[in-house]
Protein backbone atom coordinates (compact mmCIF):
# COMPACT_ATOMS: atom_id res chain seq x y z
CA MET A 1 3.47 -81.09 -14.87
CA THR A 2 4.92 -77.15 -15.67
CA THR A 3 7.93 -76.48 -13.37
CA LEU A 4 7.58 -73.30 -11.34
CA ARG A 5 10.45 -70.65 -12.72
CA ASN A 6 12.27 -69.21 -9.95
CA PRO A 7 12.85 -65.60 -10.46
CA ALA A 8 15.32 -65.08 -7.69
CA ALA A 9 17.88 -68.03 -9.04
CA ARG A 10 21.45 -66.43 -9.82
CA ARG A 11 22.18 -66.01 -13.38
CA VAL A 12 24.96 -64.29 -14.91
CA PRO A 13 24.05 -60.61 -16.44
CA ARG A 14 23.17 -60.64 -19.89
CA PRO A 15 24.13 -57.36 -21.82
CA ARG A 16 20.61 -57.28 -23.60
CA ASP A 17 19.54 -56.82 -19.66
CA LEU A 18 21.65 -54.11 -18.58
CA ALA A 19 21.60 -52.09 -21.82
CA PRO A 20 18.18 -50.22 -20.25
CA LEU A 21 20.17 -49.73 -16.73
CA MET A 22 23.24 -47.86 -18.41
CA ARG A 23 21.55 -44.66 -19.07
CA PHE A 24 23.96 -41.93 -18.02
CA LYS A 25 22.37 -38.90 -17.34
CA LYS A 26 23.48 -35.76 -19.65
CA PRO A 27 26.43 -33.61 -17.46
CA GLN A 28 25.32 -30.04 -17.36
CA PHE A 29 28.05 -28.01 -17.11
CA ASP A 30 26.29 -24.32 -16.29
CA ALA A 31 27.10 -24.17 -12.40
CA ARG A 32 23.91 -21.80 -11.67
CA LYS A 33 21.52 -24.27 -13.71
CA ARG A 34 22.71 -27.44 -12.05
CA ARG A 35 22.56 -25.84 -8.70
CA LEU A 36 19.01 -24.25 -9.32
CA ASP A 37 17.60 -27.60 -10.96
CA ALA A 38 18.53 -29.36 -8.04
CA ALA A 39 16.54 -27.18 -5.98
CA LEU A 40 13.20 -29.02 -5.43
CA THR A 41 11.46 -26.88 -2.77
CA ILE A 42 11.70 -23.41 -1.45
CA GLU A 43 13.36 -24.91 1.53
CA ASP A 44 16.27 -26.25 -1.13
CA LEU A 45 16.63 -22.56 -2.38
CA ARG A 46 16.86 -21.24 1.03
CA THR A 47 20.03 -23.42 1.72
CA ILE A 48 21.71 -22.58 -1.49
CA ALA A 49 20.84 -18.72 -0.87
CA LYS A 50 22.24 -18.88 2.78
CA ARG A 51 25.49 -20.58 1.41
CA ARG A 52 25.99 -17.99 -1.21
CA THR A 53 25.04 -14.86 0.39
CA PRO A 54 26.68 -12.72 3.20
CA LYS A 55 25.47 -13.55 6.60
CA ALA A 56 24.21 -9.73 6.93
CA ALA A 57 22.39 -9.77 3.94
CA PHE A 58 20.95 -13.42 4.18
CA ASP A 59 19.98 -12.39 7.72
CA TYR A 60 18.32 -9.36 6.27
CA THR A 61 15.89 -11.30 4.58
CA ASP A 62 15.58 -14.37 6.70
CA GLY A 63 14.88 -12.86 10.01
CA SER A 64 12.02 -11.10 11.35
CA ALA A 65 11.52 -9.11 14.58
CA GLU A 66 12.43 -9.70 18.30
CA ALA A 67 12.26 -13.61 19.33
CA GLU A 68 10.85 -13.98 15.60
CA LEU A 69 7.64 -15.56 17.30
CA SER A 70 5.36 -14.07 14.67
CA LEU A 71 7.25 -15.67 11.70
CA ALA A 72 7.47 -18.99 13.35
CA ARG A 73 3.88 -19.08 14.20
CA ALA A 74 2.72 -18.31 10.73
CA ARG A 75 4.66 -20.98 9.38
CA GLN A 76 3.69 -23.81 11.87
CA ALA A 77 0.12 -22.62 10.90
CA PHE A 78 0.36 -23.85 7.79
CA SER A 79 1.57 -27.28 8.75
CA ASP A 80 -1.22 -28.01 10.96
CA ILE A 81 -3.54 -28.16 8.39
CA GLU A 82 -5.30 -31.53 7.25
CA PHE A 83 -6.28 -31.73 3.51
CA ARG A 84 -9.71 -33.61 2.67
CA PRO A 85 -9.26 -34.47 -0.61
CA SER A 86 -12.33 -35.91 -3.26
CA ILE A 87 -12.10 -38.80 -5.34
CA LEU A 88 -12.67 -39.50 -8.57
CA ARG A 89 -12.67 -36.16 -10.40
CA ASP A 90 -11.51 -35.24 -13.83
CA VAL A 91 -8.24 -33.24 -12.91
CA ALA A 92 -6.15 -34.11 -16.25
CA LYS A 93 -6.49 -30.40 -17.33
CA VAL A 94 -5.93 -27.81 -13.75
CA ASP A 95 -6.70 -24.28 -14.05
CA THR A 96 -4.26 -22.05 -11.62
CA SER A 97 -5.20 -18.62 -12.93
CA CYS A 98 -7.62 -16.46 -11.35
CA THR A 99 -8.95 -12.77 -11.69
CA ILE A 100 -7.53 -10.23 -8.87
CA LEU A 101 -8.21 -6.51 -8.53
CA GLY A 102 -9.53 -6.43 -12.07
CA GLY A 103 -7.00 -8.08 -13.97
CA ARG A 104 -5.79 -12.05 -14.48
CA SER A 105 -3.04 -13.67 -13.15
CA GLU A 106 -1.89 -17.34 -14.28
CA LEU A 107 -1.10 -18.15 -10.77
CA PRO A 108 -3.17 -17.36 -7.25
CA PHE A 109 0.44 -15.68 -6.27
CA GLY A 110 2.01 -12.70 -6.85
CA ILE A 111 5.57 -11.15 -5.87
CA ALA A 112 5.16 -9.38 -2.32
CA PRO A 113 6.83 -5.66 -2.12
CA THR A 114 10.41 -6.03 -0.37
CA GLY A 115 12.80 -3.51 0.75
CA PHE A 116 16.77 -2.96 -0.42
CA THR A 117 16.33 -5.82 -2.68
CA ARG A 118 19.09 -5.24 -4.66
CA MET A 119 21.14 -6.04 -1.31
CA MET A 120 20.43 -9.61 -1.85
CA HIS A 121 21.57 -9.88 -5.40
CA THR A 122 22.57 -7.18 -7.56
CA GLU A 123 19.88 -7.98 -10.32
CA GLY A 124 17.54 -7.22 -7.11
CA GLU A 125 13.62 -5.79 -8.65
CA TYR A 126 14.63 -6.12 -12.07
CA ALA A 127 14.90 -9.59 -11.72
CA GLY A 128 11.63 -10.28 -9.92
CA SER A 129 9.74 -8.29 -11.86
CA ARG A 130 11.13 -9.80 -15.43
CA ALA A 131 10.44 -13.09 -14.32
CA ALA A 132 6.96 -11.92 -12.95
CA GLY A 133 5.81 -10.74 -16.49
CA ARG A 134 6.99 -14.18 -17.50
CA ALA A 135 4.77 -16.21 -15.35
CA GLY A 136 2.15 -13.60 -15.57
CA ILE A 137 2.00 -12.63 -12.41
CA PRO A 138 1.52 -9.10 -10.74
CA PHE A 139 4.82 -7.49 -8.99
CA SER A 140 4.90 -5.35 -6.28
CA LEU A 141 7.44 -2.56 -5.98
CA SER A 142 8.29 -1.36 -2.21
CA THR A 143 8.24 2.47 -1.50
CA MET A 144 11.83 1.07 0.29
CA GLY A 145 13.39 -0.81 -3.28
CA THR A 146 16.33 -0.26 -4.69
CA ALA A 147 14.91 0.12 -8.54
CA SER A 148 12.70 3.12 -9.64
CA ILE A 149 9.16 3.32 -10.33
CA GLU A 150 10.06 3.96 -13.95
CA ASP A 151 12.80 1.32 -14.54
CA VAL A 152 10.80 -1.46 -13.15
CA LYS A 153 8.06 -0.58 -15.61
CA ILE A 154 10.77 -0.65 -18.44
CA ALA A 155 11.78 -3.99 -16.98
CA ASN A 156 8.31 -5.54 -17.04
CA PRO A 157 6.49 -3.41 -19.66
CA HIS A 158 3.40 -5.95 -20.49
CA GLY A 159 2.92 -7.24 -17.19
CA ARG A 160 1.40 -6.09 -14.11
CA ASN A 161 2.79 -3.70 -11.48
CA TRP A 162 1.91 -2.58 -8.13
CA PHE A 163 3.53 -0.03 -5.83
CA GLN A 164 3.63 -0.25 -2.36
CA LEU A 165 3.18 3.25 -0.20
CA TYR A 166 4.54 3.72 2.93
CA MET A 167 3.25 7.10 4.15
CA TRP A 168 6.25 9.40 5.32
CA LYS A 169 5.93 12.52 7.60
CA ASP A 170 6.84 14.47 4.36
CA ARG A 171 3.42 13.62 2.55
CA GLU A 172 4.01 16.00 -0.71
CA ARG A 173 7.12 13.58 -0.78
CA SER A 174 5.10 10.50 -0.41
CA MET A 175 2.16 11.47 -2.92
CA ALA A 176 5.16 12.58 -5.66
CA LEU A 177 5.85 8.80 -5.70
CA VAL A 178 2.10 7.73 -6.07
CA ASP A 179 1.78 10.25 -8.71
CA ARG A 180 4.63 8.84 -10.53
CA ALA A 181 3.43 5.19 -9.93
CA ALA A 182 -0.09 6.17 -11.58
CA LYS A 183 1.73 8.29 -14.64
CA ALA A 184 4.15 4.79 -15.21
CA GLY A 185 0.75 2.65 -15.36
CA TYR A 186 0.71 1.23 -12.07
CA ASP A 187 -2.84 -0.67 -11.80
CA THR A 188 -2.90 -1.40 -7.80
CA LEU A 189 -1.69 0.44 -4.91
CA LEU A 190 -0.83 -1.17 -2.04
CA VAL A 191 -1.24 1.15 1.30
CA THR A 192 0.95 -0.68 3.88
CA VAL A 193 -0.53 0.42 7.69
CA ASP A 194 1.43 -1.79 10.07
CA VAL A 195 4.53 0.19 10.34
CA PRO A 196 4.34 3.22 12.78
CA VAL A 197 7.40 2.64 13.95
CA ALA A 198 10.27 -0.16 12.98
CA GLY A 199 9.97 -3.72 14.38
CA ALA A 200 13.09 -4.73 16.38
CA ARG A 201 14.95 -6.52 14.01
CA LEU A 202 17.63 -8.21 16.42
CA ARG A 203 19.89 -10.03 13.72
CA ASP A 204 20.25 -7.12 11.66
CA LYS A 205 21.46 -4.98 14.73
CA ARG A 206 23.73 -7.77 15.92
CA ASN A 207 25.15 -8.00 12.15
CA GLY A 208 25.83 -4.15 12.42
CA MET A 209 23.31 -4.14 9.33
CA SER A 210 23.58 -0.21 7.66
CA ILE A 211 22.71 1.17 4.80
CA PRO A 212 25.25 1.14 2.58
CA PRO A 213 26.79 -2.00 3.98
CA ALA A 214 29.52 -1.24 6.35
CA LEU A 215 32.91 -3.47 5.66
CA THR A 216 33.64 -4.96 8.81
CA ALA A 217 36.55 -7.44 9.78
CA LYS A 218 33.51 -9.60 10.78
CA THR A 219 31.89 -8.84 7.20
CA VAL A 220 34.99 -9.52 5.35
CA LEU A 221 35.58 -12.77 6.92
CA ASN A 222 32.28 -13.61 6.08
CA ALA A 223 32.23 -12.84 2.60
CA LEU A 224 35.58 -14.36 1.84
CA PRO A 225 33.68 -17.96 0.85
CA ARG A 226 31.11 -15.94 -1.25
CA PRO A 227 33.35 -13.83 -3.96
CA HIS A 228 30.69 -14.05 -6.43
CA TRP A 229 28.53 -11.79 -4.25
CA TRP A 230 31.07 -9.43 -3.45
CA ILE A 231 32.40 -9.06 -7.12
CA ASP A 232 28.80 -8.11 -7.98
CA PHE A 233 28.36 -5.67 -5.31
CA LEU A 234 31.31 -3.85 -6.03
CA THR A 235 31.14 -3.97 -9.74
CA THR A 236 27.65 -2.68 -10.08
CA GLU A 237 25.58 0.88 -9.49
CA PRO A 238 25.97 1.80 -5.85
CA LEU A 239 23.49 0.14 -3.86
CA ALA A 240 20.87 2.86 -2.39
CA PHE A 241 17.18 2.83 -2.20
CA ALA A 242 15.93 4.51 -5.30
CA SER A 243 13.02 6.65 -3.83
CA LEU A 244 15.11 8.38 -1.38
CA ASP A 245 18.32 10.28 -0.37
CA ARG A 246 21.48 8.47 0.37
CA TRP A 247 21.34 7.31 4.15
CA SER A 248 23.83 6.21 6.34
CA GLY A 249 22.53 4.63 9.23
CA THR A 250 20.65 1.25 10.21
CA VAL A 251 17.37 0.54 8.40
CA ALA A 252 15.56 0.88 11.19
CA GLU A 253 16.80 4.36 12.51
CA LEU A 254 15.59 5.41 8.76
CA LEU A 255 12.23 3.69 9.18
CA ASP A 256 11.65 5.51 12.47
CA THR A 257 12.71 8.86 10.69
CA MET A 258 10.56 8.38 7.66
CA PHE A 259 7.35 7.04 8.53
CA ASP A 260 4.38 8.90 10.24
CA PRO A 261 3.19 7.43 13.44
CA THR A 262 0.15 9.84 13.37
CA VAL A 263 -1.72 8.46 9.89
CA THR A 264 -5.61 7.28 10.33
CA PHE A 265 -8.46 6.19 8.70
CA ASP A 266 -8.81 9.81 7.46
CA ASP A 267 -5.41 9.86 5.68
CA LEU A 268 -6.48 6.48 4.06
CA ALA A 269 -9.71 7.34 2.71
CA TRP A 270 -7.45 10.74 1.50
CA ILE A 271 -4.90 8.48 -0.25
CA LYS A 272 -7.75 6.48 -2.04
CA SER A 273 -9.25 9.68 -3.48
CA GLN A 274 -5.54 10.49 -4.99
CA TRP A 275 -5.39 7.00 -6.73
CA PRO A 276 -7.00 6.09 -9.80
CA GLY A 277 -6.47 2.52 -9.77
CA LYS A 278 -7.06 -0.16 -7.12
CA VAL A 279 -6.48 0.36 -3.63
CA VAL A 280 -5.58 -2.30 -1.15
CA VAL A 281 -4.70 -2.11 2.49
CA LYS A 282 -1.77 -4.04 3.39
CA GLY A 283 -0.94 -5.30 7.28
CA ILE A 284 -4.92 -6.06 8.39
CA GLN A 285 -4.33 -8.32 11.45
CA THR A 286 -7.67 -8.10 13.35
CA VAL A 287 -11.57 -8.70 12.17
CA ASP A 288 -12.60 -5.45 12.98
CA ASP A 289 -9.92 -3.64 11.16
CA ALA A 290 -10.73 -5.82 8.10
CA VAL A 291 -14.06 -4.77 8.55
CA ALA A 292 -13.28 -0.70 9.03
CA VAL A 293 -10.90 -0.76 6.01
CA THR A 294 -13.69 -2.41 3.71
CA GLU A 295 -16.45 0.07 5.05
CA LEU A 296 -14.00 2.90 3.34
CA GLY A 297 -14.57 1.26 0.39
CA VAL A 298 -11.08 -0.30 -0.38
CA ASP A 299 -10.77 -2.69 -3.18
CA GLY A 300 -8.79 -5.18 -1.23
CA ILE A 301 -6.96 -5.92 1.77
CA VAL A 302 -3.92 -8.07 2.28
CA LEU A 303 -4.05 -10.25 6.16
CA SER A 304 -0.30 -9.88 6.78
CA ASN A 305 1.65 -9.29 10.22
CA HIS A 306 4.77 -8.15 7.58
CA GLY A 307 6.38 -11.31 7.46
CA GLY A 308 6.91 -11.01 11.42
CA ARG A 309 9.30 -8.15 10.77
CA GLN A 310 7.11 -5.64 12.99
CA LEU A 311 5.10 -6.56 16.32
CA ASP A 312 6.38 -10.27 17.58
CA ARG A 313 3.74 -12.13 19.01
CA ALA A 314 1.41 -10.64 16.05
CA PRO A 315 -2.30 -12.44 15.22
CA ILE A 316 -1.12 -15.22 12.59
CA PRO A 317 -2.95 -14.07 9.29
CA PHE A 318 -3.51 -17.82 8.30
CA HIS A 319 -5.80 -18.43 11.29
CA LEU A 320 -7.57 -15.08 11.11
CA LEU A 321 -8.50 -15.64 7.36
CA PRO A 322 -11.81 -17.96 7.70
CA ASP A 323 -13.32 -15.30 10.21
CA VAL A 324 -11.95 -12.87 8.13
CA ALA A 325 -13.37 -14.23 4.69
CA ARG A 326 -17.19 -14.68 6.81
CA GLU A 327 -17.03 -11.33 7.25
CA VAL A 328 -16.11 -9.43 4.18
CA GLY A 329 -15.16 -11.79 1.63
CA GLU A 330 -18.17 -10.71 -0.64
CA HIS A 331 -17.18 -7.03 -0.24
CA SER A 332 -13.64 -7.17 -0.74
CA GLU A 333 -10.80 -9.04 -2.03
CA ILE A 334 -8.74 -10.91 0.47
CA ILE A 335 -4.91 -11.45 -0.19
CA LEU A 336 -3.07 -13.37 2.24
CA ASP A 337 1.02 -13.28 3.33
CA THR A 338 3.33 -13.99 6.18
CA GLY A 339 4.99 -18.04 6.47
CA ILE A 340 4.13 -19.11 2.67
CA THR A 341 6.83 -21.70 1.73
CA SER A 342 4.92 -24.05 -0.60
CA GLY A 343 2.35 -24.52 -3.12
CA ALA A 344 0.26 -26.52 -0.83
CA ASP A 345 0.29 -23.38 1.70
CA ILE A 346 -1.16 -21.24 -1.19
CA VAL A 347 -3.96 -23.58 -1.95
CA ALA A 348 -4.72 -23.82 1.71
CA ALA A 349 -5.16 -20.17 1.68
CA VAL A 350 -7.44 -20.11 -1.26
CA ALA A 351 -9.78 -22.82 0.21
CA LEU A 352 -10.33 -20.92 3.32
CA GLY A 353 -11.21 -17.47 1.61
CA ALA A 354 -8.29 -15.75 0.18
CA ARG A 355 -8.48 -14.78 -3.28
CA PHE A 356 -5.01 -14.41 -3.83
CA THR A 357 -1.67 -14.59 -2.04
CA LEU A 358 1.96 -12.57 -1.85
CA ILE A 359 5.48 -14.06 -1.55
CA GLY A 360 8.37 -12.33 -0.19
CA ARG A 361 11.02 -14.29 1.18
CA ALA A 362 10.05 -17.46 -1.34
CA TYR A 363 11.32 -15.53 -4.03
CA LEU A 364 14.19 -13.65 -2.54
CA TYR A 365 15.43 -17.06 -1.77
CA GLY A 366 15.59 -18.06 -5.32
CA LEU A 367 16.96 -14.21 -6.28
CA MET A 368 20.05 -15.04 -3.70
CA ALA A 369 20.21 -18.98 -4.86
CA GLY A 370 20.56 -17.75 -8.59
CA GLY A 371 19.74 -13.97 -9.72
CA GLU A 372 16.68 -13.96 -12.09
CA ALA A 373 16.80 -17.92 -13.03
CA GLY A 374 16.41 -18.28 -9.25
CA VAL A 375 13.19 -16.22 -9.40
CA ASP A 376 12.36 -18.36 -11.59
CA ARG A 377 12.95 -21.39 -10.26
CA ALA A 378 10.99 -20.14 -7.17
CA ILE A 379 7.92 -19.53 -8.96
CA ALA A 380 7.92 -22.72 -11.10
CA ILE A 381 8.12 -24.79 -7.56
CA LEU A 382 5.15 -23.05 -6.35
CA SER A 383 3.31 -23.48 -9.66
CA GLU A 384 4.35 -27.37 -9.54
CA GLN A 385 3.12 -27.64 -5.89
CA ILE A 386 -0.12 -25.82 -6.46
CA GLU A 387 -1.05 -27.80 -9.80
CA ARG A 388 -0.56 -31.02 -7.78
CA THR A 389 -1.93 -30.20 -4.81
CA MET A 390 -5.04 -29.28 -6.74
CA ARG A 391 -5.12 -32.57 -8.68
CA LEU A 392 -4.73 -34.39 -5.45
CA LEU A 393 -7.41 -32.89 -3.94
CA GLY A 394 -9.76 -33.59 -6.77
CA VAL A 395 -10.20 -29.97 -8.27
CA ALA A 396 -9.53 -28.29 -11.58
CA SER A 397 -9.80 -24.78 -10.94
CA LEU A 398 -9.30 -22.53 -7.96
CA ASP A 399 -12.88 -21.80 -7.73
CA GLU A 400 -13.66 -25.38 -6.72
CA LEU A 401 -11.31 -25.25 -3.69
CA THR A 402 -13.91 -24.98 -0.49
CA PRO A 403 -13.43 -24.39 3.27
CA GLY A 404 -14.15 -28.25 3.53
CA HIS A 405 -10.89 -29.17 1.63
CA VAL A 406 -8.78 -28.00 4.43
CA VAL A 407 -9.13 -28.51 8.25
CA GLN A 408 -7.12 -26.23 10.41
CA LEU A 409 -5.37 -28.35 13.64
CA GLU A 410 -5.27 -26.72 16.84
CA ARG A 411 -2.03 -26.17 18.10
CA LEU A 412 -2.14 -22.50 19.90
CA VAL A 413 -5.95 -22.13 21.15
CA PRO A 414 -6.73 -18.94 23.39
CA ARG A 415 -7.14 -19.73 27.16
CA ALA A 416 -10.82 -19.24 28.49
CA ARG A 417 -11.02 -16.00 30.31
């Protein structure tokens, strides 16, 4: 009769049993690489960014308008989804590429236009454009950027560069920027239409956020634990908007001074006639406006509430997406931004009808956390999450995603009239 062996019986450990367990991780002496490798999510990058960046600069990136409800609701909308996976599908190979606005992107997201980017990190738009070029995704330069149109093209000579336009009261000056972007080979113009005036960004006001950043007792004290940011800031090219003359005031005051609140659909049609490439309207927040600009013949729209930085309590782009897709999806390429913090968010947006997405804060958190290497890490995190989510959903390409893969759970439901 065979005696049953008791695996829980005590014994003296043998060297050959311990050897497989004694694998020590090779030390990483590069502090930045060690820091970035430990970041597994965009929220991890945000935590690092907050620790390394002065409060005024971090809050300019992290904050939104008034009570910041628009941003919180946009992020909550992505949390309030349920995925519906398909099983027993061959997902050994997953294709994350797509065609957007006449060109290829290796991933279903690009880098959104962001203003005053070199304040977050001195590498600014140069880091973002180079990282985008390596990843094979579009990079968008803001009118309020801190690198020139031509310099970004030099930094990203073979990648896709898009230019974001704010229409100023000085129309001639605005269109001079458009002409420069066309001559530099930018293939897409993003016309932003949701900024007739600046939103009330209360964090910036409370921080005394100005251009250039003002040194006060409070900002100096806040900077003491963050010497690397100040060393970079004080030993590199002075911070300024590349497309503007120097300004000594708050960001909101600058926007209110410059931006033209009289811009109409007729102006949009005129801008479209001046640009040789693709034209996309950024800042669509209703189905009616999506239909109206599509009828003007634009190539795409961006469902966006400006990252919650303009009108607080604005519509949630992700909630708006299915209705807009039904109305104009066959006639216009739909891009979505605001609230995206993971690759799963991007997959959900594509499933519900977005052709593409844009990331703003997610990329800036990486920039603040580690410069260009931090942007690379942000892109890598999102890419890994997209691939994993697609595999778990049972889809091998973006075209296989359908609305049936996602359920939007209800939290904020309009009250019956």
